[in-house]
Amino acid sequence: MPELAVAADAAWNEAAALLHDDFASFAACCFRALNPRTRFVMNWHVEVMTGKLAAVREGRIRRLMICVPPRHLKSLLASVCFRRGVWATIRARRSYAPVTRRTSPTNCRAIAGAS
């Protein structure tokens, strides 16, 4: 029985490392946590947005404007997933602009509870 526990711990650590390193996987996990009955479909525009947001997190991009039509996950990715991802990885830095939408704090708390 201890071998199964070790294997499960190793799988959990690998999944946690993937979510920490790959922002697209983290965004998909956040989407599933917030919308459990809706199927998440990764598309090229989501990959581009998550790649650019990951570059912002790493400091390679200082300013980013996302211009896509409504209902293409830009608010979820930039306002909810990005904030939670940055707060989870860099806890010491707390100089982010206040949340403007009323649903964003609730979504961030829901993601925090799910992860």
N, C-alpha and C. Protein backbone atom coordinates (compact mmCIF):
# COMPACT_ATOMS: atom_id res chain seq x y z
N MET A 1 0.80 -1.21 0.00
CA MET A 1 0.00 0.00 0.00
C MET A 1 0.84 1.27 0.00
N PRO A 2 2.02 1.31 0.66
CA PRO A 2 2.82 2.54 0.62
C PRO A 2 3.27 2.91 -0.78
N GLU A 3 3.46 1.92 -1.67
CA GLU A 3 3.88 2.22 -3.03
C GLU A 3 2.82 3.04 -3.76
N LEU A 4 1.55 2.73 -3.54
CA LEU A 4 0.48 3.50 -4.17
C LEU A 4 0.47 4.93 -3.67
N ALA A 5 0.70 5.13 -2.40
CA ALA A 5 0.73 6.48 -1.85
C ALA A 5 1.87 7.28 -2.45
N VAL A 6 3.02 6.64 -2.62
CA VAL A 6 4.16 7.33 -3.21
C VAL A 6 3.87 7.67 -4.67
N ALA A 7 3.26 6.75 -5.40
CA ALA A 7 2.92 7.01 -6.80
C ALA A 7 1.90 8.13 -6.91
N ALA A 8 0.92 8.13 -6.02
CA ALA A 8 -0.09 9.19 -6.05
C ALA A 8 0.53 10.54 -5.71
N ASP A 9 1.45 10.56 -4.74
CA ASP A 9 2.14 11.81 -4.40
C ASP A 9 2.98 12.31 -5.56
N ALA A 10 3.65 11.39 -6.25
CA ALA A 10 4.47 11.78 -7.39
C ALA A 10 3.60 12.34 -8.51
N ALA A 11 2.46 11.71 -8.76
CA ALA A 11 1.55 12.21 -9.79
C ALA A 11 1.01 13.58 -9.41
N TRP A 12 0.68 13.76 -8.14
CA TRP A 12 0.18 15.06 -7.68
C TRP A 12 1.24 16.13 -7.82
N ASN A 13 2.50 15.81 -7.49
CA ASN A 13 3.58 16.78 -7.62
C ASN A 13 3.83 17.15 -9.08
N GLU A 14 3.73 16.17 -9.98
CA GLU A 14 3.90 16.45 -11.40
C GLU A 14 2.78 17.34 -11.92
N ALA A 15 1.54 17.09 -11.49
CA ALA A 15 0.41 17.92 -11.91
C ALA A 15 0.56 19.34 -11.36
N ALA A 16 0.98 19.46 -10.11
CA ALA A 16 1.17 20.79 -9.52
C ALA A 16 2.28 21.55 -10.23
N ALA A 17 3.35 20.85 -10.60
CA ALA A 17 4.44 21.51 -11.33
C ALA A 17 3.98 21.96 -12.71
N LEU A 18 3.16 21.15 -13.37
CA LEU A 18 2.63 21.54 -14.68
C LEU A 18 1.75 22.79 -14.56
N LEU A 19 0.89 22.83 -13.56
CA LEU A 19 0.02 23.99 -13.37
C LEU A 19 0.83 25.22 -13.01
N HIS A 20 1.94 25.04 -12.31
CA HIS A 20 2.78 26.17 -11.94
C HIS A 20 3.56 26.71 -13.13
N ASP A 21 4.05 25.81 -13.99
CA ASP A 21 4.91 26.21 -15.10
C ASP A 21 4.15 26.58 -16.36
N ASP A 22 3.02 25.94 -16.63
CA ASP A 22 2.29 26.15 -17.88
C ASP A 22 1.01 26.92 -17.59
N PHE A 23 0.98 28.20 -18.00
CA PHE A 23 -0.17 29.04 -17.70
C PHE A 23 -1.42 28.58 -18.45
N ALA A 24 -1.27 27.98 -19.63
CA ALA A 24 -2.44 27.49 -20.37
C ALA A 24 -3.13 26.36 -19.61
N SER A 25 -2.36 25.47 -19.02
CA SER A 25 -2.95 24.38 -18.22
C SER A 25 -3.61 24.94 -16.97
N PHE A 26 -2.99 25.94 -16.35
CA PHE A 26 -3.57 26.57 -15.17
C PHE A 26 -4.89 27.25 -15.53
N ALA A 27 -4.93 27.92 -16.69
CA ALA A 27 -6.16 28.59 -17.12
C ALA A 27 -7.27 27.56 -17.40
N ALA A 28 -6.92 26.44 -18.00
CA ALA A 28 -7.92 25.40 -18.25
C ALA A 28 -8.45 24.83 -16.93
N CYS A 29 -7.56 24.65 -15.95
CA CYS A 29 -7.99 24.16 -14.64
C CYS A 29 -8.90 25.18 -13.95
N CYS A 30 -8.57 26.47 -14.07
CA CYS A 30 -9.41 27.52 -13.49
C CYS A 30 -10.78 27.55 -14.16
N PHE A 31 -10.81 27.41 -15.47
CA PHE A 31 -12.08 27.41 -16.20
C PHE A 31 -12.96 26.26 -15.72
N ARG A 32 -12.36 25.07 -15.57
CA ARG A 32 -13.12 23.91 -15.10
C ARG A 32 -13.61 24.10 -13.67
N ALA A 33 -12.83 24.77 -12.84
CA ALA A 33 -13.24 25.00 -11.45
C ALA A 33 -14.41 25.98 -11.38
N LEU A 34 -14.40 26.98 -12.26
CA LEU A 34 -15.45 28.00 -12.24
C LEU A 34 -16.69 27.59 -13.02
N ASN A 35 -16.52 26.78 -14.05
CA ASN A 35 -17.63 26.34 -14.91
C ASN A 35 -17.60 24.83 -15.05
N PRO A 36 -17.99 24.09 -14.02
CA PRO A 36 -17.83 22.63 -14.08
C PRO A 36 -18.72 21.94 -15.12
N ARG A 37 -19.80 22.56 -15.52
CA ARG A 37 -20.69 21.91 -16.49
C ARG A 37 -20.42 22.33 -17.92
N THR A 38 -19.49 23.23 -18.13
CA THR A 38 -19.17 23.71 -19.47
C THR A 38 -17.85 23.09 -19.92
N ARG A 39 -17.83 22.62 -21.14
CA ARG A 39 -16.63 21.99 -21.69
C ARG A 39 -15.65 23.06 -22.12
N PHE A 40 -14.39 22.93 -21.74
CA PHE A 40 -13.34 23.88 -22.14
C PHE A 40 -12.69 23.37 -23.41
N VAL A 41 -12.64 24.21 -24.42
CA VAL A 41 -12.01 23.86 -25.68
C VAL A 41 -10.83 24.80 -25.89
N MET A 42 -9.63 24.24 -25.90
CA MET A 42 -8.43 25.04 -26.14
C MET A 42 -8.38 25.39 -27.62
N ASN A 43 -8.25 26.67 -27.91
CA ASN A 43 -8.18 27.14 -29.28
C ASN A 43 -6.93 27.99 -29.44
N TRP A 44 -6.61 28.35 -30.68
CA TRP A 44 -5.37 29.07 -30.93
C TRP A 44 -5.36 30.42 -30.23
N HIS A 45 -6.50 31.11 -30.16
CA HIS A 45 -6.50 32.44 -29.54
C HIS A 45 -6.30 32.34 -28.03
N VAL A 46 -6.75 31.25 -27.42
CA VAL A 46 -6.52 31.05 -25.99
C VAL A 46 -5.05 30.75 -25.75
N GLU A 47 -4.43 29.97 -26.62
CA GLU A 47 -3.01 29.67 -26.50
C GLU A 47 -2.17 30.93 -26.65
N VAL A 48 -2.54 31.81 -27.59
CA VAL A 48 -1.80 33.06 -27.78
C VAL A 48 -1.95 33.96 -26.55
N MET A 49 -3.18 34.10 -26.04
CA MET A 49 -3.39 34.95 -24.87
C MET A 49 -2.65 34.41 -23.65
N THR A 50 -2.71 33.10 -23.42
CA THR A 50 -2.01 32.54 -22.26
C THR A 50 -0.49 32.65 -22.43
N GLY A 51 0.00 32.52 -23.64
CA GLY A 51 1.43 32.69 -23.89
C GLY A 51 1.89 34.11 -23.61
N LYS A 52 1.10 35.08 -24.05
CA LYS A 52 1.45 36.48 -23.79
C LYS A 52 1.34 36.82 -22.31
N LEU A 53 0.32 36.30 -21.63
CA LEU A 53 0.19 36.54 -20.19
C LEU A 53 1.31 35.87 -19.41
N ALA A 54 1.76 34.72 -19.86
CA ALA A 54 2.92 34.07 -19.22
C ALA A 54 4.17 34.92 -19.41
N ALA A 55 4.31 35.55 -20.58
CA ALA A 55 5.46 36.43 -20.82
C ALA A 55 5.38 37.67 -19.92
N VAL A 56 4.18 38.16 -19.66
CA VAL A 56 4.02 39.27 -18.72
C VAL A 56 4.44 38.83 -17.33
N ARG A 57 4.03 37.66 -16.92
CA ARG A 57 4.38 37.14 -15.59
C ARG A 57 5.88 36.98 -15.43
N GLU A 58 6.55 36.57 -16.52
CA GLU A 58 8.00 36.38 -16.47
C GLU A 58 8.77 37.68 -16.63
N GLY A 59 8.09 38.76 -16.99
CA GLY A 59 8.74 40.05 -17.14
C GLY A 59 9.28 40.33 -18.53
N ARG A 60 9.00 39.47 -19.49
CA ARG A 60 9.46 39.71 -20.85
C ARG A 60 8.62 40.74 -21.58
N ILE A 61 7.37 40.91 -21.17
CA ILE A 61 6.48 41.93 -21.73
C ILE A 61 6.04 42.82 -20.58
N ARG A 62 6.16 44.13 -20.80
CA ARG A 62 5.79 45.07 -19.74
C ARG A 62 4.38 45.62 -19.91
N ARG A 63 3.92 45.74 -21.13
CA ARG A 63 2.57 46.23 -21.40
C ARG A 63 1.90 45.29 -22.39
N LEU A 64 0.64 45.00 -22.14
CA LEU A 64 -0.08 44.08 -23.01
C LEU A 64 -1.52 44.55 -23.14
N MET A 65 -1.98 44.65 -24.37
CA MET A 65 -3.38 44.95 -24.64
C MET A 65 -3.96 43.76 -25.39
N ILE A 66 -5.04 43.22 -24.88
CA ILE A 66 -5.69 42.07 -25.50
C ILE A 66 -6.95 42.55 -26.20
N CYS A 67 -6.98 42.41 -27.51
CA CYS A 67 -8.12 42.87 -28.30
C CYS A 67 -8.72 41.68 -29.04
N VAL A 68 -9.70 41.07 -28.43
CA VAL A 68 -10.45 39.99 -29.07
C VAL A 68 -11.93 40.28 -28.83
N PRO A 69 -12.80 39.71 -29.64
CA PRO A 69 -14.24 39.96 -29.46
C PRO A 69 -14.74 39.45 -28.11
N PRO A 70 -15.92 39.92 -27.72
CA PRO A 70 -16.50 39.43 -26.46
C PRO A 70 -16.72 37.92 -26.49
N ARG A 71 -16.73 37.32 -25.29
CA ARG A 71 -16.97 35.89 -25.09
C ARG A 71 -15.84 35.02 -25.65
N HIS A 72 -14.62 35.54 -25.62
CA HIS A 72 -13.45 34.77 -26.05
C HIS A 72 -12.47 34.55 -24.90
N LEU A 73 -12.94 34.64 -23.65
CA LEU A 73 -12.21 34.33 -22.42
C LEU A 73 -11.14 35.34 -22.04
N LYS A 74 -11.14 36.53 -22.62
CA LYS A 74 -10.10 37.48 -22.25
C LYS A 74 -10.25 37.98 -20.83
N SER A 75 -11.48 38.21 -20.36
CA SER A 75 -11.68 38.66 -18.98
C SER A 75 -11.33 37.57 -17.99
N LEU A 76 -11.73 36.35 -18.27
CA LEU A 76 -11.42 35.24 -17.37
C LEU A 76 -9.92 35.02 -17.29
N LEU A 77 -9.24 35.06 -18.43
CA LEU A 77 -7.81 34.82 -18.45
C LEU A 77 -7.02 35.95 -17.79
N ALA A 78 -7.34 37.20 -18.17
CA ALA A 78 -6.54 38.33 -17.70
C ALA A 78 -6.94 38.79 -16.31
N SER A 79 -8.22 38.80 -16.00
CA SER A 79 -8.66 39.35 -14.72
C SER A 79 -8.69 38.32 -13.60
N VAL A 80 -8.98 37.08 -13.92
CA VAL A 80 -9.15 36.08 -12.86
C VAL A 80 -7.96 35.13 -12.82
N CYS A 81 -7.71 34.41 -13.89
CA CYS A 81 -6.65 33.39 -13.89
C CYS A 81 -5.27 34.01 -13.74
N PHE A 82 -5.02 35.10 -14.44
CA PHE A 82 -3.70 35.72 -14.37
C PHE A 82 -3.42 36.25 -12.97
N ARG A 83 -4.40 36.93 -12.39
CA ARG A 83 -4.20 37.45 -11.03
C ARG A 83 -3.95 36.33 -10.05
N ARG A 84 -4.75 35.27 -10.12
CA ARG A 84 -4.59 34.17 -9.19
C ARG A 84 -3.27 33.44 -9.43
N GLY A 85 -2.88 33.30 -10.68
CA GLY A 85 -1.61 32.65 -10.99
C GLY A 85 -0.42 33.44 -10.49
N VAL A 86 -0.48 34.75 -10.64
CA VAL A 86 0.62 35.59 -10.17
C VAL A 86 0.64 35.62 -8.66
N TRP A 87 -0.53 35.74 -8.03
CA TRP A 87 -0.59 35.77 -6.57
C TRP A 87 -0.13 34.44 -5.99
N ALA A 88 -0.38 33.35 -6.69
CA ALA A 88 0.04 32.05 -6.18
C ALA A 88 1.54 31.86 -6.28
N THR A 89 2.17 32.43 -7.30
CA THR A 89 3.60 32.22 -7.50
C THR A 89 4.45 33.31 -6.84
N ILE A 90 3.94 34.52 -6.78
CA ILE A 90 4.70 35.62 -6.19
C ILE A 90 3.87 36.21 -5.07
N ARG A 91 3.97 35.68 -3.90
CA ARG A 91 3.15 36.12 -2.77
C ARG A 91 3.67 37.41 -2.15
N ALA A 92 4.92 37.70 -2.30
CA ALA A 92 5.49 38.88 -1.64
C ALA A 92 5.05 40.18 -2.31
N ARG A 93 4.82 40.15 -3.60
CA ARG A 93 4.46 41.37 -4.32
C ARG A 93 2.95 41.57 -4.24
N ARG A 94 2.51 42.71 -3.72
CA ARG A 94 1.08 42.98 -3.54
C ARG A 94 0.69 44.33 -4.13
N SER A 95 1.32 44.73 -5.22
CA SER A 95 1.06 46.06 -5.79
C SER A 95 0.22 46.00 -7.05
N TYR A 96 -0.85 45.23 -7.03
CA TYR A 96 -1.71 45.12 -8.20
C TYR A 96 -2.88 46.09 -8.08
N ALA A 97 -3.38 46.50 -9.22
CA ALA A 97 -4.51 47.42 -9.23
C ALA A 97 -5.73 46.74 -8.63
N PRO A 98 -6.62 47.50 -8.01
CA PRO A 98 -7.81 46.88 -7.42
C PRO A 98 -8.71 46.26 -8.47
N VAL A 99 -9.44 45.28 -8.06
CA VAL A 99 -10.35 44.57 -8.97
C VAL A 99 -11.52 45.48 -9.30
N THR A 100 -11.83 45.61 -10.58
CA THR A 100 -12.88 46.52 -10.99
C THR A 100 -14.23 45.83 -11.15
N ARG A 101 -14.22 44.57 -11.55
CA ARG A 101 -15.49 43.86 -11.72
C ARG A 101 -15.91 43.22 -10.42
N ARG A 102 -17.19 43.13 -10.20
CA ARG A 102 -17.69 42.55 -8.96
C ARG A 102 -17.53 41.03 -8.92
N THR A 103 -17.49 40.38 -10.07
CA THR A 103 -17.40 38.91 -10.07
C THR A 103 -15.96 38.43 -9.92
N SER A 104 -14.97 39.25 -10.20
CA SER A 104 -13.59 38.80 -10.14
C SER A 104 -13.14 38.36 -8.76
N PRO A 105 -13.45 39.09 -7.66
CA PRO A 105 -13.02 38.60 -6.36
C PRO A 105 -13.65 37.26 -5.99
N THR A 106 -14.90 37.08 -6.35
CA THR A 106 -15.57 35.81 -6.08
C THR A 106 -14.92 34.69 -6.86
N ASN A 107 -14.61 34.93 -8.12
CA ASN A 107 -13.96 33.91 -8.95
C ASN A 107 -12.56 33.60 -8.43
N CYS A 108 -11.82 34.62 -8.00
CA CYS A 108 -10.48 34.37 -7.47
C CYS A 108 -10.56 33.52 -6.20
N ARG A 109 -11.54 33.79 -5.34
CA ARG A 109 -11.71 32.98 -4.14
C ARG A 109 -12.11 31.56 -4.49
N ALA A 110 -12.94 31.39 -5.51
CA ALA A 110 -13.36 30.04 -5.92
C ALA A 110 -12.18 29.25 -6.45
N ILE A 111 -11.30 29.89 -7.21
CA ILE A 111 -10.11 29.23 -7.72
C ILE A 111 -9.17 28.88 -6.58
N ALA A 112 -9.04 29.79 -5.63
CA ALA A 112 -8.17 29.53 -4.48
C ALA A 112 -8.66 28.33 -3.69
N GLY A 113 -9.97 28.20 -3.57
CA GLY A 113 -10.53 27.06 -2.85
C GLY A 113 -10.38 25.76 -3.62
N ALA A 114 -10.39 25.84 -4.95
CA ALA A 114 -10.29 24.63 -5.77
C ALA A 114 -8.86 24.15 -5.91
N SER A 115 -7.90 25.05 -5.80
CA SER A 115 -6.50 24.63 -6.00
C SER A 115 -5.80 24.28 -4.73
